[in-house]
C-alpha atoms as a PDB file:
ATOM      1  CA  MET A   1       1.350  15.530  35.607  1.00  0.00           C
ATOM      2  CA  GLU A   2       4.602  14.150  34.210  1.00  0.00           C
ATOM      3  CA  ARG A   3       2.674  11.589  32.226  1.00  0.00           C
ATOM      4  CA  LYS A   4       0.562  14.310  30.650  1.00  0.00           C
ATOM      5  CA  ALA A   5       3.608  16.368  29.760  1.00  0.00           C
ATOM      6  CA  GLY A   6       5.222  13.337  28.174  1.00  0.00           C
ATOM      7  CA  GLY A   7       2.046  12.626  26.249  1.00  0.00           C
ATOM      8  CA  ARG A   8       1.952  16.173  24.913  1.00  0.00           C
ATOM      9  CA  ALA A   9       5.600  15.914  23.854  1.00  0.00           C
ATOM     10  CA  ASP A  10       4.964  12.607  22.103  1.00  0.00           C
ATOM     11  CA  GLY A  11       1.950  14.053  20.377  1.00  0.00           C
ATOM     12  CA  ALA A  12       3.890  17.105  19.204  1.00  0.00           C
ATOM     13  CA  ARG A  13       6.688  14.905  17.883  1.00  0.00           C
ATOM     14  CA  ALA A  14       4.221  12.688  16.027  1.00  0.00           C
ATOM     15  CA  ALA A  15       2.526  15.734  14.497  1.00  0.00           C
ATOM     16  CA  SER A  16       5.876  17.215  13.412  1.00  0.00           C
ATOM     17  CA  THR A  17       6.957  13.882  11.951  1.00  0.00           C
ATOM     18  CA  ALA A  18       3.733  13.645   9.960  1.00  0.00           C
ATOM     19  CA  LYS A  19       4.281  17.181   8.595  1.00  0.00           C
ATOM     20  CA  VAL A  20       7.828  16.349   7.504  1.00  0.00           C
ATOM     21  CA  LEU A  21       6.762  13.132   5.791  1.00  0.00           C
ATOM     22  CA  ALA A  22       3.866  14.850   4.025  1.00  0.00           C
ATOM     23  CA  ALA A  23       6.144  17.634   2.808  1.00  0.00           C
ATOM     24  CA  ALA A  24       8.780  15.159   1.649  1.00  0.00           C
ATOM     25  CA  ARG A  25       6.249  13.032  -0.229  1.00  0.00           C
ATOM     26  CA  THR A  26       5.067  16.112  -2.100  1.00  0.00           C
ATOM     27  CA  LEU A  27       8.559  17.333  -2.991  1.00  0.00           C
ATOM     28  CA  PHE A  28      10.038  13.931  -3.839  1.00  0.00           C
ATOM     29  CA  ALA A  29       7.107  13.311  -6.197  1.00  0.00           C
ATOM     30  CA  GLN A  30       7.345  16.737  -7.814  1.00  0.00           C
ATOM     31  CA  ARG A  31      11.116  17.178  -8.095  1.00  0.00           C
ATOM     32  CA  GLY A  32      12.626  13.763  -7.498  1.00  0.00           C
ATOM     33  CA  PHE A  33      14.594  12.630  -4.472  1.00  0.00           C
ATOM     34  CA  ALA A  34      18.010  13.776  -5.680  1.00  0.00           C
ATOM     35  CA  ALA A  35      16.852  17.327  -6.416  1.00  0.00           C
ATOM     36  CA  CYS A  36      15.456  17.933  -2.923  1.00  0.00           C
ATOM     37  CA  ARG A  37      17.366  19.163   0.118  1.00  0.00           C
ATOM     38  CA  VAL A  38      16.445  18.909   3.765  1.00  0.00           C
ATOM     39  CA  ALA A  39      16.099  22.703   3.723  1.00  0.00           C
ATOM     40  CA  ASP A  40      13.445  22.380   0.993  1.00  0.00           C
ATOM     41  CA  ILE A  41      11.534  19.825   3.040  1.00  0.00           C
ATOM     42  CA  ALA A  42      11.762  22.024   6.128  1.00  0.00           C
ATOM     43  CA  ARG A  43      10.436  25.021   4.229  1.00  0.00           C
ATOM     44  CA  GLU A  44       7.529  22.981   2.817  1.00  0.00           C
ATOM     45  CA  ALA A  45       6.738  21.666   6.299  1.00  0.00           C
ATOM     46  CA  GLY A  46       6.908  25.150   7.850  1.00  0.00           C
ATOM     47  CA  MET A  47       9.777  24.424  10.216  1.00  0.00           C
ATOM     48  CA  SER A  48      13.539  24.874  10.490  1.00  0.00           C
ATOM     49  CA  PRO A  49      16.071  22.382   9.068  1.00  0.00           C
ATOM     50  CA  GLY A  50      17.235  21.819  12.640  1.00  0.00           C
ATOM     51  CA  ASN A  51      13.800  20.609  13.614  1.00  0.00           C
ATOM     52  CA  VAL A  52      13.777  18.198  10.676  1.00  0.00           C
ATOM     53  CA  TYR A  53      17.170  16.817  11.714  1.00  0.00           C
ATOM     54  CA  TRP A  54      15.827  16.403  15.237  1.00  0.00           C
ATOM     55  CA  LEU A  55      13.266  13.990  13.797  1.00  0.00           C
ATOM     56  CA  PHE A  56      15.307  12.347  11.030  1.00  0.00           C
ATOM     57  CA  GLU A  57      19.066  11.988  10.776  1.00  0.00           C
ATOM     58  CA  SER A  58      19.111  12.497   6.999  1.00  0.00           C
ATOM     59  CA  LYS A  59      17.092  12.944   3.832  1.00  0.00           C
ATOM     60  CA  GLU A  60      17.609   9.223   3.181  1.00  0.00           C
ATOM     61  CA  ALA A  61      16.015   8.394   6.538  1.00  0.00           C
ATOM     62  CA  ILE A  62      12.940  10.397   5.534  1.00  0.00           C
ATOM     63  CA  LEU A  63      12.657   8.525   2.243  1.00  0.00           C
ATOM     64  CA  ARG A  64      13.123   5.200   4.000  1.00  0.00           C
ATOM     65  CA  SER A  65      10.268   5.953   6.396  1.00  0.00           C
ATOM     66  CA  ILE A  66       7.995   6.903   3.494  1.00  0.00           C
ATOM     67  CA  LEU A  67       8.800   3.768   1.523  1.00  0.00           C
ATOM     68  CA  VAL A  68       8.707   1.299   4.411  1.00  0.00           C
ATOM     69  CA  ASP A  69       5.272   2.524   5.470  1.00  0.00           C
ATOM     70  CA  GLY A  70       4.021   2.616   1.870  1.00  0.00           C
ATOM     71  CA  PHE A  71       5.196  -0.870   0.950  1.00  0.00           C
ATOM     72  CA  ALA A  72       3.756  -2.246   4.185  1.00  0.00           C
ATOM     73  CA  GLU A  73       0.355  -0.704   3.482  1.00  0.00           C
ATOM     74  CA  LEU A  74       0.330  -2.042  -0.081  1.00  0.00           C
ATOM     75  CA  GLU A  75       1.170  -5.535   1.154  1.00  0.00           C
ATOM     76  CA  ALA A  76      -1.443  -5.384   3.888  1.00  0.00           C
ATOM     77  CA  MET A  77      -4.145  -4.254   1.472  1.00  0.00           C
ATOM     78  CA  ALA A  78      -3.481  -7.095  -0.979  1.00  0.00           C
ATOM     79  CA  ASP A  79      -3.254  -9.650   1.816  1.00  0.00           C
ATOM     80  CA  ALA A  80      -6.531  -8.508   3.373  1.00  0.00           C
ATOM     81  CA  VAL A  81      -8.355  -8.809   0.040  1.00  0.00           C
ATOM     82  CA  ALA A  82      -6.950 -12.297  -0.570  1.00  0.00           C
ATOM     83  CA  ASP A  83      -8.274 -13.331   2.864  1.00  0.00           C
ATOM     84  CA  GLU A  84     -11.781 -11.989   2.214  1.00  0.00           C
ATOM     85  CA  TYR A  85     -14.651 -14.470   2.228  1.00  0.00           C
ATOM     86  CA  GLY A  86     -17.103 -15.164  -0.558  1.00  0.00           C
ATOM     87  CA  PRO A  87     -16.951 -15.669  -4.310  1.00  0.00           C
ATOM     88  CA  ALA A  88     -14.123 -14.419  -6.505  1.00  0.00           C
ATOM     89  CA  ARG A  89     -16.182 -11.670  -8.126  1.00  0.00           C
ATOM     90  CA  ARG A  90     -16.792 -10.159  -4.707  1.00  0.00           C
ATOM     91  CA  LYS A  91     -13.052 -10.214  -4.007  1.00  0.00           C
ATOM     92  CA  LEU A  92     -12.353  -8.570  -7.354  1.00  0.00           C
ATOM     93  CA  ASP A  93     -14.838  -5.792  -6.561  1.00  0.00           C
ATOM     94  CA  ILE A  94     -13.152  -5.241  -3.195  1.00  0.00           C
ATOM     95  CA  LEU A  95      -9.667  -5.348  -4.728  1.00  0.00           C
ATOM     96  CA  VAL A  96     -10.453  -2.783  -7.405  1.00  0.00           C
ATOM     97  CA  ALA A  97     -12.215  -0.436  -4.978  1.00  0.00           C
ATOM     98  CA  ARG A  98      -9.366  -0.567  -2.460  1.00  0.00           C
ATOM     99  CA  THR A  99      -6.688  -0.229  -5.143  1.00  0.00           C
ATOM    100  CA  ILE A 100      -8.337   2.876  -6.576  1.00  0.00           C
ATOM    101  CA  GLU A 101      -8.725   4.379  -3.111  1.00  0.00           C
ATOM    102  CA  PHE A 102      -5.099   3.624  -2.247  1.00  0.00           C
ATOM    103  CA  TYR A 103      -3.627   5.055  -5.469  1.00  0.00           C
ATOM    104  CA  GLN A 104      -5.763   8.182  -5.301  1.00  0.00           C
ATOM    105  CA  ARG A 105      -4.892   8.752  -1.645  1.00  0.00           C
ATOM    106  CA  ASN A 106      -1.200   7.968  -2.190  1.00  0.00           C
ATOM    107  CA  ASP A 107      -0.510   9.291  -5.678  1.00  0.00           C
ATOM    108  CA  ALA A 108       2.652  11.054  -4.482  1.00  0.00           C
ATOM    109  CA  LEU A 109       3.927   7.859  -2.851  1.00  0.00           C
ATOM    110  CA  MET A 110       3.289   5.806  -5.987  1.00  0.00           C
ATOM    111  CA  THR A 111       5.039   8.443  -8.095  1.00  0.00           C
ATOM    112  CA  ILE A 112       8.079   8.174  -5.815  1.00  0.00           C
ATOM    113  CA  ILE A 113       8.055   4.381  -5.997  1.00  0.00           C
ATOM    114  CA  GLY A 114       7.764   4.530  -9.765  1.00  0.00           C
ATOM    115  CA  SER A 115      10.782   6.827  -9.973  1.00  0.00           C
ATOM    116  CA  LEU A 116      13.007   4.280  -8.246  1.00  0.00           C
ATOM    117  CA  GLY A 117      13.410   1.945 -11.184  1.00  0.00           C
ATOM    118  CA  GLY A 118      16.700   1.302 -12.942  1.00  0.00           C
ATOM    119  CA  THR A 119      20.163   0.892 -11.507  1.00  0.00           C
ATOM    120  CA  GLY A 120      20.163   4.180  -9.589  1.00  0.00           C
ATOM    121  CA  GLY A 121      16.888   3.383  -7.880  1.00  0.00           C
ATOM    122  CA  ARG A 122      17.993  -0.119  -6.926  1.00  0.00           C
ATOM    123  CA  GLU A 123      21.257   1.212  -5.519  1.00  0.00           C
ATOM    124  CA  LEU A 124      19.392   3.803  -3.452  1.00  0.00           C
ATOM    125  CA  LEU A 125      16.995   1.186  -2.109  1.00  0.00           C
ATOM    126  CA  GLY A 126      19.976  -0.997  -1.225  1.00  0.00           C
ATOM    127  CA  ARG A 127      21.549   1.838   0.761  1.00  0.00           C
ATOM    128  CA  LEU A 128      18.255   2.282   2.567  1.00  0.00           C
ATOM    129  CA  GLY A 129      18.139  -1.408   3.428  1.00  0.00           C
ATOM    130  CA  ILE A 130      14.916  -1.981   1.482  1.00  0.00           C
ATOM    131  CA  ASP A 131      14.489  -5.141  -0.593  1.00  0.00           C
ATOM    132  CA  ARG A 132      11.872  -3.973  -3.051  1.00  0.00           C
ATOM    133  CA  GLY A 133      11.868  -7.305  -4.847  1.00  0.00           C
ATOM    134  CA  ALA A 134      10.879  -9.124  -1.677  1.00  0.00           C
ATOM    135  CA  THR A 135       8.172  -6.637  -0.723  1.00  0.00           C
ATOM    136  CA  GLU A 136       6.748  -6.636  -4.247  1.00  0.00           C
ATOM    137  CA  GLU A 137       6.735 -10.441  -4.399  1.00  0.00           C
ATOM    138  CA  ARG A 138       4.766 -10.632  -1.154  1.00  0.00           C
ATOM    139  CA  ARG A 139       2.216  -8.223  -2.570  1.00  0.00           C
ATOM    140  CA  ARG A 140       2.052 -10.109  -5.879  1.00  0.00           C
ATOM    141  CA  ALA A 141       1.616 -13.413  -4.045  1.00  0.00           C
ATOM    142  CA  SER A 142      -1.582 -12.113  -2.439  1.00  0.00           C
ATOM    143  CA  LEU A 143      -2.819 -10.688  -5.735  1.00  0.00           C
ATOM    144  CA  ARG A 144      -1.991 -13.995  -7.399  1.00  0.00           C
ATOM    145  CA  ARG A 145      -4.302 -15.753  -4.937  1.00  0.00           C
ATOM    146  CA  VAL A 146      -7.148 -13.422  -5.887  1.00  0.00           C
ATOM    147  CA  PHE A 147      -6.704 -13.875  -9.632  1.00  0.00           C
ATOM    148  CA  ALA A 148      -6.093 -17.620  -9.417  1.00  0.00           C
ATOM    149  CA  GLU A 149      -9.398 -17.992  -7.580  1.00  0.00           C
ATOM    150  CA  ALA A 150     -11.117 -15.695 -10.071  1.00  0.00           C
ATOM    151  CA  ARG A 151      -9.803 -17.765 -12.979  1.00  0.00           C
ATOM    152  CA  SER A 152     -10.941 -21.023 -11.376  1.00  0.00           C
ATOM    153  CA  GLU A 153     -14.451 -19.588 -10.971  1.00  0.00           C
ATOM    154  CA  GLY A 154     -14.565 -18.230 -14.527  1.00  0.00           C
ATOM    155  CA  ALA A 155     -14.653 -14.623 -13.360  1.00  0.00           C
ATOM    156  CA  VAL A 156     -11.681 -13.497 -15.481  1.00  0.00           C
ATOM    157  CA  ALA A 157      -9.889 -14.549 -18.654  1.00  0.00           C
ATOM    158  CA  PRO A 158      -8.365 -18.064 -18.508  1.00  0.00           C
ATOM    159  CA  ALA A 159      -4.830 -16.677 -18.357  1.00  0.00           C
ATOM    160  CA  ASP A 160      -1.832 -17.264 -16.104  1.00  0.00           C
ATOM    161  CA  PRO A 161      -2.595 -15.510 -12.777  1.00  0.00           C
ATOM    162  CA  ASP A 162       0.909 -13.992 -12.839  1.00  0.00           C
ATOM    163  CA  LEU A 163       0.090 -12.354 -16.166  1.00  0.00           C
ATOM    164  CA  LEU A 164      -3.198 -11.026 -14.802  1.00  0.00           C
ATOM    165  CA  VAL A 165      -1.378  -9.559 -11.798  1.00  0.00           C
ATOM    166  CA  THR A 166       1.163  -7.890 -14.085  1.00  0.00           C
ATOM    167  CA  LEU A 167      -1.551  -6.405 -16.307  1.00  0.00           C
ATOM    168  CA  TYR A 168      -3.545  -5.204 -13.312  1.00  0.00           C
ATOM    169  CA  VAL A 169      -0.627  -3.492 -11.568  1.00  0.00           C
ATOM    170  CA  ALA A 170       0.718  -2.067 -14.844  1.00  0.00           C
ATOM    171  CA  LEU A 171      -2.597  -0.363 -15.577  1.00  0.00           C
ATOM    172  CA  PHE A 172      -2.555   1.681 -12.382  1.00  0.00           C
ATOM    173  CA  ASP A 173       1.184   2.375 -12.429  1.00  0.00           C
ATOM    174  CA  GLY A 174       1.056   3.358 -16.096  1.00  0.00           C
ATOM    175  CA  LEU A 175      -1.851   5.744 -15.698  1.00  0.00           C
ATOM    176  CA  LEU A 176      -0.188   7.447 -12.744  1.00  0.00           C
ATOM    177  CA  ALA A 177       3.181   7.680 -14.498  1.00  0.00           C
ATOM    178  CA  ARG A 178       1.611   9.197 -17.612  1.00  0.00           C
ATOM    179  CA  ASP A 179       0.075  12.212 -15.932  1.00  0.00           C
ATOM    180  CA  ARG A 180      -0.343  12.508 -12.179  1.00  0.00           C
ATOM    181  CA  GLN A 181      -2.802  15.421 -12.374  1.00  0.00           C
ATOM    182  CA  ARG A 182      -4.893  13.752 -15.050  1.00  0.00           C
ATOM    183  CA  TRP A 183      -4.909  10.522 -13.042  1.00  0.00           C
ATOM    184  CA  SER A 184      -6.488  12.215 -10.047  1.00  0.00           C
ATOM    185  CA  ALA A 185      -9.311  13.508 -12.245  1.00  0.00           C
ATOM    186  CA  ILE A 186     -10.339  10.104 -13.652  1.00  0.00           C
ATOM    187  CA  PRO A 187     -13.719   9.076 -12.185  1.00  0.00           C
ATOM    188  CA  PRO A 188     -13.476   5.928 -10.025  1.00  0.00           C
ATOM    189  CA  ALA A 189     -16.172   4.221 -12.132  1.00  0.00           C
ATOM    190  CA  GLU A 190     -13.999   4.594 -15.261  1.00  0.00           C
ATOM    191  CA  LEU A 191     -10.956   3.255 -13.421  1.00  0.00           C
ATOM    192  CA  ARG A 192     -12.979   0.298 -12.185  1.00  0.00           C
ATOM    193  CA  ASP A 193     -14.209  -0.555 -15.685  1.00  0.00           C
ATOM    194  CA  ALA A 194     -10.684  -0.284 -17.113  1.00  0.00           C
ATOM    195  CA  ALA A 195      -9.200  -2.491 -14.376  1.00  0.00           C
ATOM    196  CA  LEU A 196     -11.816  -5.188 -14.919  1.00  0.00           C
ATOM    197  CA  ARG A 197     -11.452  -5.079 -18.706  1.00  0.00           C
ATOM    198  CA  VAL A 198      -7.687  -5.484 -18.571  1.00  0.00           C
ATOM    199  CA  VAL A 199      -8.023  -8.803 -16.720  1.00  0.00           C
ATOM    200  CA  GLY A 200     -10.865 -10.025 -18.943  1.00  0.00           C
ATOM    201  CA  TYR A 201     -13.600  -9.791 -16.322  1.00  0.00           C
ATOM    202  CA  ARG A 202     -16.618 -12.025 -16.965  1.00  0.00           C
ATOM    203  CA  PRO A 203     -19.874 -11.094 -15.221  1.00  0.00           C
ATOM    204  CA  ALA A 204     -21.873 -13.816 -13.530  1.00  0.00           C
ATOM    205  CA  GLY A 205     -24.638 -15.523 -15.454  1.00  0.00           C
END
């Protein structure tokens, strides 16, 4: 019986944590981190500020949880694609499909990440103990593997793989930064075609 009670408590805590993080992602993306208060997050999540503080010691701790999980998922996605089997064109198809799915599912997260550029953003990340440069380089290393293989097989333009990675990432980040609502309305097929064009995709045959 005690085990069941503990399980219910753990489940309730996990559900409350998920609600807080979802509310914070929405508000941080809409208003910016600095403009949000814990009380705003609590209201969005449908709970009291005290309950939020029971789960997270500060607004910074909430942001850190969002970013750590987000960066880890981005890294894992790129790494998994780089480890896929088969020809480079297959990997490119998988990469584009998973990138589109990730950005559309995490548009608020990517908006938050995009807002953390400049000196202020770097200082905030430093206070949170997050080395964005290191996490981004790990992600880019996996993407570099994909594009280097694609170049060697003639599947993309014969350009420096680092340049192809930069163009590829910039396309998605730029579209999202331009207009988050418009981004979500772009058909996946159009996004796929744009992503392949920007890296000079060359069909087989």
